[in-house]
N, C-alpha and C. Protein backbone atom coordinates (compact mmCIF):
# COMPACT_ATOMS: atom_id res chain seq x y z
N MET A 1 136.95 105.82 189.71
CA MET A 1 136.75 106.71 188.57
C MET A 1 135.87 106.00 187.53
N SER A 2 134.76 106.61 187.18
CA SER A 2 133.86 105.97 186.22
C SER A 2 134.39 106.11 184.80
N THR A 3 133.84 105.31 183.91
CA THR A 3 134.21 105.33 182.50
C THR A 3 133.19 106.15 181.72
N HIS A 4 133.69 106.95 180.79
CA HIS A 4 132.82 107.89 180.06
C HIS A 4 132.96 107.65 178.56
N TYR A 5 131.84 107.68 177.87
CA TYR A 5 131.82 107.58 176.41
C TYR A 5 131.12 108.80 175.82
N TYR A 6 131.79 109.41 174.84
CA TYR A 6 131.22 110.54 174.11
C TYR A 6 130.96 110.07 172.67
N PHE A 7 129.70 110.00 172.29
CA PHE A 7 129.32 109.56 170.95
C PHE A 7 128.90 110.77 170.11
N SER A 8 129.22 110.74 168.82
CA SER A 8 128.63 111.73 167.91
C SER A 8 127.23 111.24 167.57
N TRP A 9 127.08 110.52 166.49
CA TRP A 9 125.80 109.88 166.16
C TRP A 9 126.08 108.70 165.25
N PHE A 10 125.29 107.65 165.41
CA PHE A 10 125.43 106.45 164.59
C PHE A 10 124.13 106.25 163.82
N ASN A 11 124.25 106.14 162.51
CA ASN A 11 123.05 106.05 161.68
C ASN A 11 122.33 104.72 161.81
N HIS A 12 123.06 103.68 162.18
CA HIS A 12 122.44 102.36 162.27
C HIS A 12 122.75 101.68 163.61
N PHE A 13 124.01 101.38 163.86
CA PHE A 13 124.37 100.67 165.07
C PHE A 13 125.82 100.95 165.43
N PHE A 14 126.21 100.53 166.65
CA PHE A 14 127.59 100.69 167.07
C PHE A 14 128.51 99.82 166.24
N PRO A 15 129.69 100.32 165.84
CA PRO A 15 130.69 99.48 165.18
C PRO A 15 131.19 98.39 166.13
N ASP A 16 131.72 97.33 165.55
CA ASP A 16 132.14 96.17 166.34
C ASP A 16 133.18 96.52 167.41
N LYS A 17 134.13 97.38 167.05
CA LYS A 17 135.16 97.76 168.02
C LYS A 17 134.54 98.42 169.25
N LEU A 18 133.59 99.29 169.00
CA LEU A 18 132.94 100.00 170.10
C LEU A 18 132.09 99.03 170.93
N VAL A 19 131.41 98.11 170.27
CA VAL A 19 130.62 97.10 170.99
C VAL A 19 131.51 96.32 171.94
N HIS A 20 132.68 95.93 171.47
CA HIS A 20 133.61 95.16 172.31
C HIS A 20 133.99 95.95 173.56
N CYS A 21 134.29 97.23 173.40
CA CYS A 21 134.67 98.07 174.55
C CYS A 21 133.50 98.22 175.53
N LEU A 22 132.32 98.46 175.00
CA LEU A 22 131.15 98.63 175.86
C LEU A 22 130.83 97.34 176.61
N GLN A 23 130.93 96.22 175.91
CA GLN A 23 130.68 94.93 176.57
C GLN A 23 131.66 94.71 177.72
N GLU A 24 132.89 95.14 177.51
CA GLU A 24 133.93 95.00 178.53
C GLU A 24 133.67 95.92 179.73
N ASP A 25 133.21 97.13 179.46
CA ASP A 25 133.07 98.14 180.51
C ASP A 25 131.75 98.05 181.27
N ILE A 26 130.70 97.59 180.60
CA ILE A 26 129.38 97.56 181.23
C ILE A 26 129.12 96.15 181.74
N GLN A 27 129.60 95.88 182.94
CA GLN A 27 129.41 94.57 183.56
C GLN A 27 128.12 94.52 184.37
N ASP A 28 127.79 95.63 185.01
CA ASP A 28 126.57 95.73 185.80
C ASP A 28 125.43 96.10 184.86
N ARG A 29 124.46 95.22 184.71
CA ARG A 29 123.35 95.44 183.77
C ARG A 29 122.02 95.57 184.51
N GLN A 30 122.05 96.10 185.71
CA GLN A 30 120.81 96.16 186.49
C GLN A 30 119.89 97.27 186.01
N SER A 31 120.42 98.49 185.83
CA SER A 31 119.54 99.62 185.57
C SER A 31 120.16 100.60 184.58
N LEU A 32 119.44 100.89 183.49
CA LEU A 32 119.83 101.92 182.53
C LEU A 32 118.91 103.13 182.74
N VAL A 33 119.53 104.31 182.91
CA VAL A 33 118.77 105.56 183.03
C VAL A 33 119.13 106.45 181.85
N MET A 34 118.13 106.85 181.09
CA MET A 34 118.32 107.70 179.93
C MET A 34 117.73 109.09 180.23
N ILE A 35 118.48 110.13 179.89
CA ILE A 35 118.07 111.50 180.21
C ILE A 35 117.78 112.24 178.91
N SER A 36 116.57 112.75 178.79
CA SER A 36 116.12 113.38 177.56
C SER A 36 116.87 114.67 177.26
N ALA A 37 117.03 114.94 175.96
CA ALA A 37 117.52 116.25 175.51
C ALA A 37 116.41 117.03 174.82
N ASP A 38 115.19 116.60 175.07
CA ASP A 38 113.99 117.34 174.67
C ASP A 38 112.95 117.10 175.77
N PRO A 39 113.26 117.53 176.99
CA PRO A 39 112.51 117.08 178.17
C PRO A 39 111.07 117.55 178.24
N SER A 40 110.70 118.55 177.42
CA SER A 40 109.31 119.01 177.37
C SER A 40 108.59 118.53 176.12
N GLY A 41 109.28 117.80 175.27
CA GLY A 41 108.72 117.45 173.96
C GLY A 41 107.94 116.16 173.93
N TYR A 42 107.37 115.78 175.04
CA TYR A 42 106.66 114.50 175.10
C TYR A 42 105.18 114.67 174.75
N THR A 43 104.54 113.54 174.47
CA THR A 43 103.09 113.50 174.27
C THR A 43 102.49 112.78 175.47
N ASP A 44 101.20 112.49 175.39
CA ASP A 44 100.54 111.76 176.47
C ASP A 44 100.89 110.28 176.45
N GLU A 45 101.48 109.83 175.35
CA GLU A 45 101.81 108.41 175.23
C GLU A 45 103.04 108.08 176.07
N PRO A 46 103.08 106.89 176.67
CA PRO A 46 104.29 106.46 177.39
C PRO A 46 105.47 106.36 176.42
N ILE A 47 106.67 106.49 176.98
CA ILE A 47 107.87 106.42 176.14
C ILE A 47 108.00 105.03 175.53
N ASN A 48 108.28 105.00 174.24
CA ASN A 48 108.51 103.74 173.53
C ASN A 48 110.01 103.64 173.27
N PHE A 49 110.67 102.78 174.04
CA PHE A 49 112.13 102.68 173.94
C PHE A 49 112.56 102.24 172.54
N ASP A 50 111.72 101.49 171.86
CA ASP A 50 112.07 101.05 170.50
C ASP A 50 112.23 102.22 169.54
N GLU A 51 111.68 103.37 169.89
CA GLU A 51 111.79 104.55 169.03
C GLU A 51 113.01 105.41 169.37
N LEU A 52 113.74 105.02 170.39
CA LEU A 52 114.94 105.76 170.79
C LEU A 52 116.17 105.15 170.12
N SER A 53 116.83 105.92 169.27
CA SER A 53 118.03 105.40 168.59
C SER A 53 119.06 104.92 169.59
N GLU A 54 119.26 105.70 170.66
CA GLU A 54 120.28 105.36 171.65
C GLU A 54 120.00 104.02 172.29
N TRP A 55 118.73 103.72 172.53
CA TRP A 55 118.38 102.42 173.12
C TRP A 55 118.59 101.29 172.12
N THR A 56 118.24 101.53 170.86
CA THR A 56 118.40 100.47 169.86
C THR A 56 119.88 100.16 169.63
N TRP A 57 120.75 101.17 169.74
CA TRP A 57 122.19 100.89 169.62
C TRP A 57 122.62 99.87 170.67
N LEU A 58 122.20 100.10 171.92
CA LEU A 58 122.57 99.19 173.00
C LEU A 58 121.94 97.81 172.80
N LYS A 59 120.69 97.79 172.37
CA LYS A 59 120.00 96.52 172.16
C LYS A 59 120.70 95.70 171.09
N GLN A 60 121.07 96.36 169.97
CA GLN A 60 121.76 95.66 168.90
C GLN A 60 123.14 95.16 169.32
N ALA A 61 123.72 95.84 170.31
CA ALA A 61 125.01 95.41 170.86
C ALA A 61 124.84 94.34 171.94
N ASN A 62 123.59 93.91 172.15
CA ASN A 62 123.25 92.91 173.17
C ASN A 62 123.64 93.36 174.57
N ILE A 63 123.48 94.65 174.84
CA ILE A 63 123.68 95.20 176.17
C ILE A 63 122.29 95.47 176.74
N ILE A 64 121.79 94.51 177.49
CA ILE A 64 120.40 94.49 177.95
C ILE A 64 120.38 94.65 179.47
N PHE A 65 119.40 95.39 179.95
CA PHE A 65 119.32 95.71 181.38
C PHE A 65 118.04 95.14 182.00
N ASP A 66 118.08 94.99 183.31
CA ASP A 66 116.89 94.52 184.04
C ASP A 66 115.81 95.61 184.10
N GLU A 67 116.25 96.87 184.23
CA GLU A 67 115.31 97.99 184.36
C GLU A 67 115.74 99.12 183.41
N TYR A 68 114.72 99.82 182.89
CA TYR A 68 114.95 100.98 182.03
C TYR A 68 114.15 102.16 182.56
N HIS A 69 114.80 103.32 182.64
CA HIS A 69 114.11 104.52 183.11
C HIS A 69 114.46 105.68 182.17
N PHE A 70 113.44 106.44 181.76
CA PHE A 70 113.63 107.59 180.88
C PHE A 70 113.20 108.84 181.65
N ILE A 71 114.14 109.78 181.78
CA ILE A 71 113.90 110.95 182.62
C ILE A 71 113.63 112.18 181.76
N ASP A 72 112.47 112.78 181.97
CA ASP A 72 112.14 114.09 181.43
C ASP A 72 111.24 114.79 182.46
N TYR A 73 110.56 115.85 182.04
CA TYR A 73 109.78 116.63 183.02
C TYR A 73 108.54 115.88 183.53
N ARG A 74 108.21 114.74 182.96
CA ARG A 74 107.09 113.97 183.48
C ARG A 74 107.43 113.31 184.82
N MET A 75 108.72 113.12 185.07
CA MET A 75 109.16 112.46 186.30
C MET A 75 109.43 113.50 187.38
N GLN A 76 109.10 113.17 188.61
CA GLN A 76 109.40 114.06 189.73
C GLN A 76 110.92 114.14 189.94
N LYS A 77 111.37 115.33 190.37
CA LYS A 77 112.80 115.54 190.57
C LYS A 77 113.42 114.51 191.50
N GLU A 78 112.76 114.23 192.62
CA GLU A 78 113.30 113.30 193.61
C GLU A 78 113.45 111.90 193.02
N ASP A 79 112.48 111.49 192.21
CA ASP A 79 112.56 110.17 191.58
C ASP A 79 113.70 110.12 190.57
N ALA A 80 113.86 111.20 189.81
CA ALA A 80 114.95 111.26 188.83
C ALA A 80 116.30 111.14 189.52
N GLN A 81 116.47 111.87 190.61
CA GLN A 81 117.74 111.79 191.34
C GLN A 81 117.98 110.40 191.90
N ARG A 82 116.93 109.78 192.40
CA ARG A 82 117.07 108.44 192.99
C ARG A 82 117.43 107.40 191.92
N PHE A 83 116.79 107.47 190.76
CA PHE A 83 117.10 106.52 189.69
C PHE A 83 118.54 106.69 189.23
N ILE A 84 119.00 107.93 189.14
CA ILE A 84 120.38 108.18 188.72
C ILE A 84 121.36 107.64 189.77
N GLN A 85 121.07 107.84 191.02
CA GLN A 85 121.96 107.34 192.09
C GLN A 85 122.10 105.83 192.05
N ASN A 86 121.06 105.13 191.60
CA ASN A 86 121.07 103.66 191.58
C ASN A 86 121.38 103.07 190.21
N ALA A 87 121.74 103.91 189.24
CA ALA A 87 121.92 103.44 187.86
C ALA A 87 123.22 102.68 187.67
N SER A 88 123.16 101.67 186.80
CA SER A 88 124.37 100.99 186.33
C SER A 88 125.01 101.78 185.20
N VAL A 89 124.16 102.29 184.31
CA VAL A 89 124.60 103.10 183.17
C VAL A 89 123.68 104.32 183.07
N ILE A 90 124.27 105.49 182.86
CA ILE A 90 123.52 106.72 182.63
C ILE A 90 123.79 107.17 181.21
N PHE A 91 122.74 107.37 180.42
CA PHE A 91 122.87 107.73 179.01
C PHE A 91 122.20 109.09 178.81
N LEU A 92 123.02 110.12 178.53
CA LEU A 92 122.50 111.43 178.18
C LEU A 92 122.20 111.44 176.69
N CYS A 93 120.94 111.54 176.34
CA CYS A 93 120.50 111.35 174.96
C CYS A 93 120.81 112.56 174.09
N GLY A 94 120.68 112.34 172.78
CA GLY A 94 120.85 113.41 171.81
C GLY A 94 119.58 114.22 171.66
N GLY A 95 119.73 115.41 171.08
CA GLY A 95 118.59 116.30 170.89
C GLY A 95 119.03 117.74 170.94
N TYR A 96 118.54 118.46 171.94
CA TYR A 96 118.80 119.89 172.05
C TYR A 96 119.67 120.14 173.28
N PRO A 97 120.94 120.47 173.07
CA PRO A 97 121.87 120.56 174.21
C PRO A 97 121.49 121.62 175.23
N VAL A 98 120.99 122.77 174.78
CA VAL A 98 120.63 123.83 175.74
C VAL A 98 119.43 123.40 176.58
N LEU A 99 118.44 122.76 175.95
CA LEU A 99 117.27 122.28 176.70
C LEU A 99 117.69 121.22 177.73
N GLN A 100 118.62 120.35 177.33
CA GLN A 100 119.09 119.34 178.27
C GLN A 100 119.87 119.97 179.41
N LYS A 101 120.71 120.95 179.07
CA LYS A 101 121.49 121.64 180.11
C LYS A 101 120.56 122.30 181.12
N ASP A 102 119.51 122.97 180.62
CA ASP A 102 118.56 123.64 181.52
C ASP A 102 117.82 122.62 182.38
N PHE A 103 117.49 121.49 181.80
CA PHE A 103 116.79 120.44 182.54
C PHE A 103 117.68 119.88 183.65
N LEU A 104 118.95 119.65 183.35
CA LEU A 104 119.89 119.17 184.37
C LEU A 104 119.98 120.15 185.53
N ALA A 105 119.96 121.44 185.19
CA ALA A 105 120.01 122.47 186.24
C ALA A 105 118.71 122.50 187.04
N ASP A 106 117.57 122.47 186.35
CA ASP A 106 116.27 122.53 187.02
C ASP A 106 116.09 121.38 188.01
N TYR A 107 116.54 120.19 187.61
CA TYR A 107 116.35 118.99 188.43
C TYR A 107 117.56 118.69 189.32
N GLU A 108 118.56 119.58 189.27
CA GLU A 108 119.77 119.43 190.09
C GLU A 108 120.40 118.04 189.91
N LEU A 109 120.61 117.70 188.63
CA LEU A 109 121.09 116.37 188.30
C LEU A 109 122.60 116.29 188.03
N SER A 110 123.22 117.42 187.70
CA SER A 110 124.62 117.36 187.26
C SER A 110 125.54 116.76 188.32
N ASP A 111 125.42 117.23 189.56
CA ASP A 111 126.28 116.70 190.63
C ASP A 111 125.94 115.25 190.93
N VAL A 112 124.67 114.89 190.84
CA VAL A 112 124.26 113.49 191.09
C VAL A 112 124.91 112.58 190.04
N ILE A 113 124.90 113.03 188.78
CA ILE A 113 125.52 112.25 187.71
C ILE A 113 127.03 112.17 187.91
N LYS A 114 127.64 113.32 188.25
CA LYS A 114 129.09 113.36 188.37
C LYS A 114 129.59 112.50 189.54
N ASN A 115 128.77 112.36 190.57
CA ASN A 115 129.16 111.57 191.73
C ASN A 115 128.83 110.09 191.58
N SER A 116 128.23 109.72 190.46
CA SER A 116 127.82 108.33 190.25
C SER A 116 129.01 107.46 189.85
N ASP A 117 128.93 106.19 190.23
CA ASP A 117 129.94 105.22 189.79
C ASP A 117 129.51 104.50 188.51
N ALA A 118 128.38 104.90 187.94
CA ALA A 118 127.87 104.28 186.72
C ALA A 118 128.78 104.58 185.53
N VAL A 119 128.68 103.75 184.50
CA VAL A 119 129.29 104.08 183.22
C VAL A 119 128.42 105.18 182.59
N ILE A 120 129.06 106.25 182.12
CA ILE A 120 128.33 107.41 181.60
C ILE A 120 128.47 107.44 180.08
N LEU A 121 127.33 107.48 179.39
CA LEU A 121 127.30 107.58 177.94
C LEU A 121 126.61 108.88 177.55
N GLY A 122 127.08 109.49 176.47
CA GLY A 122 126.41 110.67 175.95
C GLY A 122 126.46 110.66 174.44
N ALA A 123 125.34 110.99 173.80
CA ALA A 123 125.28 111.05 172.34
C ALA A 123 124.94 112.46 171.90
N SER A 124 125.78 113.02 171.03
CA SER A 124 125.53 114.33 170.45
C SER A 124 125.30 115.37 171.55
N ALA A 125 124.08 115.85 171.74
CA ALA A 125 123.81 116.84 172.79
C ALA A 125 124.26 116.35 174.15
N GLY A 126 124.03 115.07 174.42
CA GLY A 126 124.43 114.50 175.70
C GLY A 126 125.94 114.51 175.89
N ALA A 127 126.67 114.25 174.81
CA ALA A 127 128.14 114.28 174.88
C ALA A 127 128.63 115.70 175.13
N LEU A 128 127.99 116.68 174.49
CA LEU A 128 128.34 118.08 174.75
C LEU A 128 128.20 118.40 176.24
N ASN A 129 127.08 117.99 176.81
CA ASN A 129 126.83 118.33 178.21
C ASN A 129 127.70 117.54 179.18
N MET A 130 128.29 116.44 178.74
CA MET A 130 129.24 115.70 179.57
C MET A 130 130.58 116.41 179.66
N SER A 131 130.94 117.14 178.60
CA SER A 131 132.28 117.72 178.51
C SER A 131 132.42 118.93 179.43
N ALA A 132 133.63 119.47 179.47
CA ALA A 132 133.88 120.64 180.33
C ALA A 132 133.28 121.90 179.75
N LYS A 133 133.36 122.05 178.42
CA LYS A 133 132.81 123.23 177.74
C LYS A 133 132.30 122.81 176.37
N TRP A 134 131.35 123.57 175.86
CA TRP A 134 130.90 123.35 174.49
C TRP A 134 130.39 124.66 173.91
N LEU A 135 130.41 124.71 172.60
CA LEU A 135 130.10 125.94 171.88
C LEU A 135 128.78 125.78 171.14
N SER A 136 127.90 126.75 171.32
CA SER A 136 126.64 126.77 170.58
C SER A 136 126.68 127.90 169.57
N LEU A 137 126.53 127.53 168.29
CA LEU A 137 126.48 128.54 167.23
C LEU A 137 125.03 128.91 166.97
N ASN A 138 124.75 130.18 166.90
CA ASN A 138 123.41 130.67 166.62
C ASN A 138 123.36 131.24 165.21
N ASP A 139 122.57 130.61 164.36
CA ASP A 139 122.44 131.06 162.98
C ASP A 139 121.52 132.28 162.95
N THR A 140 122.10 133.42 162.62
CA THR A 140 121.34 134.67 162.65
C THR A 140 120.68 134.98 161.31
N GLY A 141 120.92 134.13 160.32
CA GLY A 141 120.38 134.41 159.00
C GLY A 141 121.26 135.35 158.19
N HIS A 142 122.36 135.77 158.76
CA HIS A 142 123.32 136.63 158.06
C HIS A 142 124.64 135.88 157.94
N GLU A 143 125.62 136.52 157.38
CA GLU A 143 126.91 135.86 157.19
C GLU A 143 127.60 135.62 158.53
N VAL A 144 127.36 136.49 159.49
CA VAL A 144 128.04 136.37 160.78
C VAL A 144 127.17 135.58 161.75
N GLU A 145 127.76 134.57 162.37
CA GLU A 145 127.05 133.81 163.38
C GLU A 145 127.57 134.22 164.76
N THR A 146 126.67 134.26 165.72
CA THR A 146 127.09 134.50 167.10
C THR A 146 127.24 133.16 167.80
N SER A 147 128.03 133.13 168.84
CA SER A 147 128.28 131.87 169.54
C SER A 147 128.27 132.10 171.05
N THR A 148 127.92 131.04 171.75
CA THR A 148 127.91 131.06 173.21
C THR A 148 128.66 129.85 173.71
N ILE A 149 129.55 130.07 174.67
CA ILE A 149 130.27 128.96 175.29
C ILE A 149 129.54 128.57 176.57
N TYR A 150 129.20 127.29 176.68
CA TYR A 150 128.50 126.77 177.86
C TYR A 150 129.43 125.87 178.67
N GLU A 151 129.20 125.84 179.96
CA GLU A 151 129.90 124.91 180.84
C GLU A 151 129.12 123.60 180.86
N GLY A 152 129.82 122.48 180.70
CA GLY A 152 129.21 121.18 180.81
C GLY A 152 129.37 120.61 182.21
N ILE A 153 128.99 119.34 182.36
CA ILE A 153 129.16 118.67 183.66
C ILE A 153 130.64 118.61 184.01
N GLY A 154 131.49 118.39 183.02
CA GLY A 154 132.93 118.44 183.24
C GLY A 154 133.52 117.15 183.75
N PHE A 155 133.11 116.03 183.18
CA PHE A 155 133.74 114.76 183.55
C PHE A 155 135.23 114.77 183.20
N ASP A 156 135.55 115.36 182.06
CA ASP A 156 136.93 115.35 181.56
C ASP A 156 137.28 116.74 181.06
N HIS A 157 138.56 117.08 181.17
CA HIS A 157 138.98 118.45 180.91
C HIS A 157 139.22 118.66 179.41
N PHE A 158 138.15 118.65 178.65
CA PHE A 158 138.22 119.04 177.25
C PHE A 158 136.83 119.53 176.82
N ALA A 159 136.82 120.27 175.71
CA ALA A 159 135.57 120.69 175.10
C ALA A 159 135.22 119.70 174.00
N TYR A 160 133.94 119.60 173.71
CA TYR A 160 133.48 118.64 172.71
C TYR A 160 132.54 119.33 171.74
N GLU A 161 132.67 118.97 170.47
CA GLU A 161 131.80 119.49 169.42
C GLU A 161 131.33 118.32 168.57
N SER A 162 130.04 118.22 168.38
CA SER A 162 129.49 117.14 167.57
C SER A 162 128.47 117.73 166.61
N HIS A 163 128.77 117.61 165.34
CA HIS A 163 127.82 118.10 164.34
C HIS A 163 128.04 117.37 163.03
N SER A 164 127.04 116.63 162.61
CA SER A 164 127.21 115.77 161.45
C SER A 164 127.45 116.55 160.16
N LYS A 165 127.02 117.80 160.11
CA LYS A 165 127.13 118.56 158.86
C LYS A 165 128.43 119.34 158.77
N ARG A 166 129.22 119.33 159.80
CA ARG A 166 130.46 120.09 159.78
C ARG A 166 131.63 119.12 159.70
N GLY A 167 132.30 119.15 158.59
CA GLY A 167 133.45 118.28 158.41
C GLY A 167 134.75 119.03 158.60
N TYR A 168 135.81 118.41 158.14
CA TYR A 168 137.14 118.95 158.35
C TYR A 168 137.27 120.37 157.83
N ALA A 169 136.73 120.62 156.65
CA ALA A 169 136.89 121.95 156.04
C ALA A 169 136.31 123.04 156.94
N THR A 170 135.18 122.77 157.57
CA THR A 170 134.57 123.77 158.43
C THR A 170 135.38 123.96 159.70
N PHE A 171 135.91 122.85 160.25
CA PHE A 171 136.74 122.98 161.44
C PHE A 171 137.96 123.84 161.15
N VAL A 172 138.53 123.66 159.96
CA VAL A 172 139.71 124.43 159.58
C VAL A 172 139.38 125.92 159.50
N GLN A 173 138.14 126.24 159.16
CA GLN A 173 137.77 127.65 159.06
C GLN A 173 137.89 128.38 160.39
N GLY A 174 137.91 127.62 161.47
CA GLY A 174 138.36 128.24 162.71
C GLY A 174 137.32 128.68 163.70
N TYR A 175 136.06 128.25 163.55
CA TYR A 175 135.08 128.75 164.53
C TYR A 175 135.32 128.17 165.92
N LEU A 176 136.08 127.07 165.98
CA LEU A 176 136.43 126.51 167.29
C LEU A 176 137.78 127.00 167.80
N PHE A 177 138.50 127.74 166.99
CA PHE A 177 139.85 128.15 167.38
C PHE A 177 139.88 129.01 168.64
N PRO A 178 138.99 129.99 168.80
CA PRO A 178 139.04 130.78 170.05
C PRO A 178 138.86 129.91 171.29
N LEU A 179 137.95 128.96 171.24
CA LEU A 179 137.75 128.06 172.38
C LEU A 179 138.99 127.20 172.61
N SER A 180 139.65 126.80 171.52
CA SER A 180 140.83 125.93 171.64
C SER A 180 142.02 126.63 172.28
N GLU A 181 141.96 127.97 172.39
CA GLU A 181 143.00 128.70 173.11
C GLU A 181 142.84 128.54 174.62
N GLU A 182 141.61 128.20 175.06
CA GLU A 182 141.33 127.99 176.48
C GLU A 182 141.48 126.54 176.89
N ILE A 183 141.07 125.63 175.99
CA ILE A 183 140.95 124.22 176.36
C ILE A 183 140.99 123.39 175.09
N ASP A 184 141.54 122.19 175.15
CA ASP A 184 141.55 121.31 173.98
C ASP A 184 140.12 120.99 173.57
N VAL A 185 139.90 120.95 172.25
CA VAL A 185 138.57 120.68 171.71
C VAL A 185 138.62 119.40 170.87
N TYR A 186 137.75 118.46 171.15
CA TYR A 186 137.57 117.29 170.29
C TYR A 186 136.35 117.55 169.41
N ALA A 187 136.59 117.61 168.10
CA ALA A 187 135.52 117.89 167.13
C ALA A 187 135.19 116.60 166.40
N ALA A 188 133.93 116.21 166.46
CA ALA A 188 133.52 114.89 165.99
C ALA A 188 132.60 114.97 164.79
N GLU A 189 132.86 114.14 163.79
CA GLU A 189 131.89 113.91 162.74
C GLU A 189 131.03 112.70 163.14
N GLN A 190 130.10 112.31 162.28
CA GLN A 190 129.25 111.16 162.58
C GLN A 190 130.09 109.88 162.65
N GLU A 191 129.51 108.87 163.32
CA GLU A 191 130.14 107.55 163.44
C GLU A 191 131.48 107.62 164.18
N SER A 192 131.52 108.38 165.25
CA SER A 192 132.76 108.49 166.03
C SER A 192 132.46 108.39 167.52
N ALA A 193 133.49 108.08 168.28
CA ALA A 193 133.33 107.93 169.73
C ALA A 193 134.64 108.25 170.43
N ILE A 194 134.51 108.73 171.67
CA ILE A 194 135.65 108.91 172.57
C ILE A 194 135.35 108.10 173.83
N ARG A 195 136.34 107.34 174.26
CA ARG A 195 136.23 106.60 175.52
C ARG A 195 137.29 107.14 176.47
N VAL A 196 136.87 107.49 177.68
CA VAL A 196 137.81 107.93 178.71
C VAL A 196 137.70 106.94 179.86
N LYS A 197 138.77 106.18 180.05
CA LYS A 197 138.79 105.14 181.08
C LYS A 197 140.08 105.27 181.88
N ASP A 198 139.93 105.38 183.18
CA ASP A 198 141.10 105.58 184.07
C ASP A 198 141.93 106.78 183.61
N GLY A 199 141.24 107.79 183.13
CA GLY A 199 141.91 109.02 182.71
C GLY A 199 142.54 108.96 181.34
N LYS A 200 142.50 107.80 180.68
CA LYS A 200 143.11 107.64 179.35
C LYS A 200 142.07 107.89 178.27
N ILE A 201 142.39 108.75 177.32
CA ILE A 201 141.48 109.11 176.23
C ILE A 201 141.78 108.24 175.01
N GLU A 202 140.75 107.54 174.53
CA GLU A 202 140.86 106.73 173.32
C GLU A 202 139.79 107.20 172.34
N THR A 203 140.09 107.17 171.05
CA THR A 203 139.16 107.67 170.06
C THR A 203 138.89 106.63 168.97
N MET A 204 137.75 106.83 168.30
CA MET A 204 137.40 105.96 167.19
C MET A 204 136.59 106.76 166.18
N GLY A 205 136.90 106.58 164.90
CA GLY A 205 136.15 107.27 163.86
C GLY A 205 136.70 108.64 163.56
N PRO A 206 135.98 109.41 162.73
CA PRO A 206 136.48 110.72 162.27
C PRO A 206 136.39 111.79 163.36
N LEU A 207 137.52 112.02 163.99
CA LEU A 207 137.62 113.00 165.08
C LEU A 207 138.85 113.87 164.85
N TYR A 208 138.75 115.12 165.32
CA TYR A 208 139.85 116.06 165.20
C TYR A 208 140.12 116.68 166.56
N LEU A 209 141.38 116.81 166.89
CA LEU A 209 141.80 117.49 168.11
C LEU A 209 142.29 118.88 167.74
N ILE A 210 141.67 119.88 168.33
CA ILE A 210 142.05 121.27 168.07
C ILE A 210 142.63 121.84 169.36
N SER A 211 143.89 122.24 169.31
CA SER A 211 144.57 122.76 170.49
C SER A 211 145.35 124.01 170.10
N ARG A 212 145.04 125.12 170.76
CA ARG A 212 145.70 126.39 170.48
C ARG A 212 145.69 126.72 168.98
N SER A 213 144.50 126.57 168.40
CA SER A 213 144.24 126.91 166.99
C SER A 213 145.00 126.04 166.00
N LYS A 214 145.48 124.90 166.46
CA LYS A 214 146.09 123.92 165.55
C LYS A 214 145.23 122.68 165.53
N ILE A 215 144.99 122.14 164.33
CA ILE A 215 144.07 121.03 164.17
C ILE A 215 144.80 119.77 163.74
N GLN A 216 144.41 118.65 164.33
CA GLN A 216 145.05 117.38 164.06
C GLN A 216 143.97 116.32 163.89
N LYS A 217 144.01 115.60 162.77
CA LYS A 217 143.10 114.48 162.58
C LYS A 217 143.63 113.30 163.38
N LEU A 218 142.76 112.67 164.16
CA LEU A 218 143.21 111.63 165.07
C LEU A 218 143.15 110.26 164.39
N VAL A 219 144.10 109.43 164.76
CA VAL A 219 144.16 108.07 164.28
C VAL A 219 143.34 107.20 165.23
N GLU A 220 142.55 106.31 164.66
CA GLU A 220 141.69 105.46 165.47
C GLU A 220 142.49 104.61 166.43
N THR A 221 142.06 104.58 167.70
CA THR A 221 142.78 103.79 168.70
C THR A 221 141.90 102.76 169.42
N LEU A 222 140.61 102.96 169.47
CA LEU A 222 139.76 102.01 170.19
C LEU A 222 139.89 100.61 169.63
């Protein structure tokens, strides 16, 4: 059973507690594969890993790999699948969750990722797509927002919500309550993480568990 990390977003670097856990879990440092959440948003310039927040977090944590691969539509599907199959760590990047979901489907990557023994990391959009379900709110410009529930890869049986601008007060307003009647929802503010190792869920930072329309602020355990 692989180990999974769900990150919200970190403005600067991983906290020390999280670094310790990652250092412990990521023993194989041969190959890091990062999957874009804006797979069509590239220019003609090669990818500059120094400009990727997710890569700098790992670098600052001194988690360095022999090989780095960044997957978007510039890479052939077969190569993307092969790099994922051989990865030590797979990192689903932040960005646009629907675009990433569509890319995973187009390149038939979800099952390849799910069958991998790599440590799986996801930040923001990537964490949404790792979960079993996630909710997309569509701002219509009116008071009423419409929402769509998407199926994720489903590493773990919970829904995930990550949005830096929505704090406790918004969660209490209940837009996640209907989803929480189907499945437990972990709602994350910035600077938070969930680690699932051997089926055990551990949390760090400002996170809320919403279950059957009841909300609970979680105590840090990592």
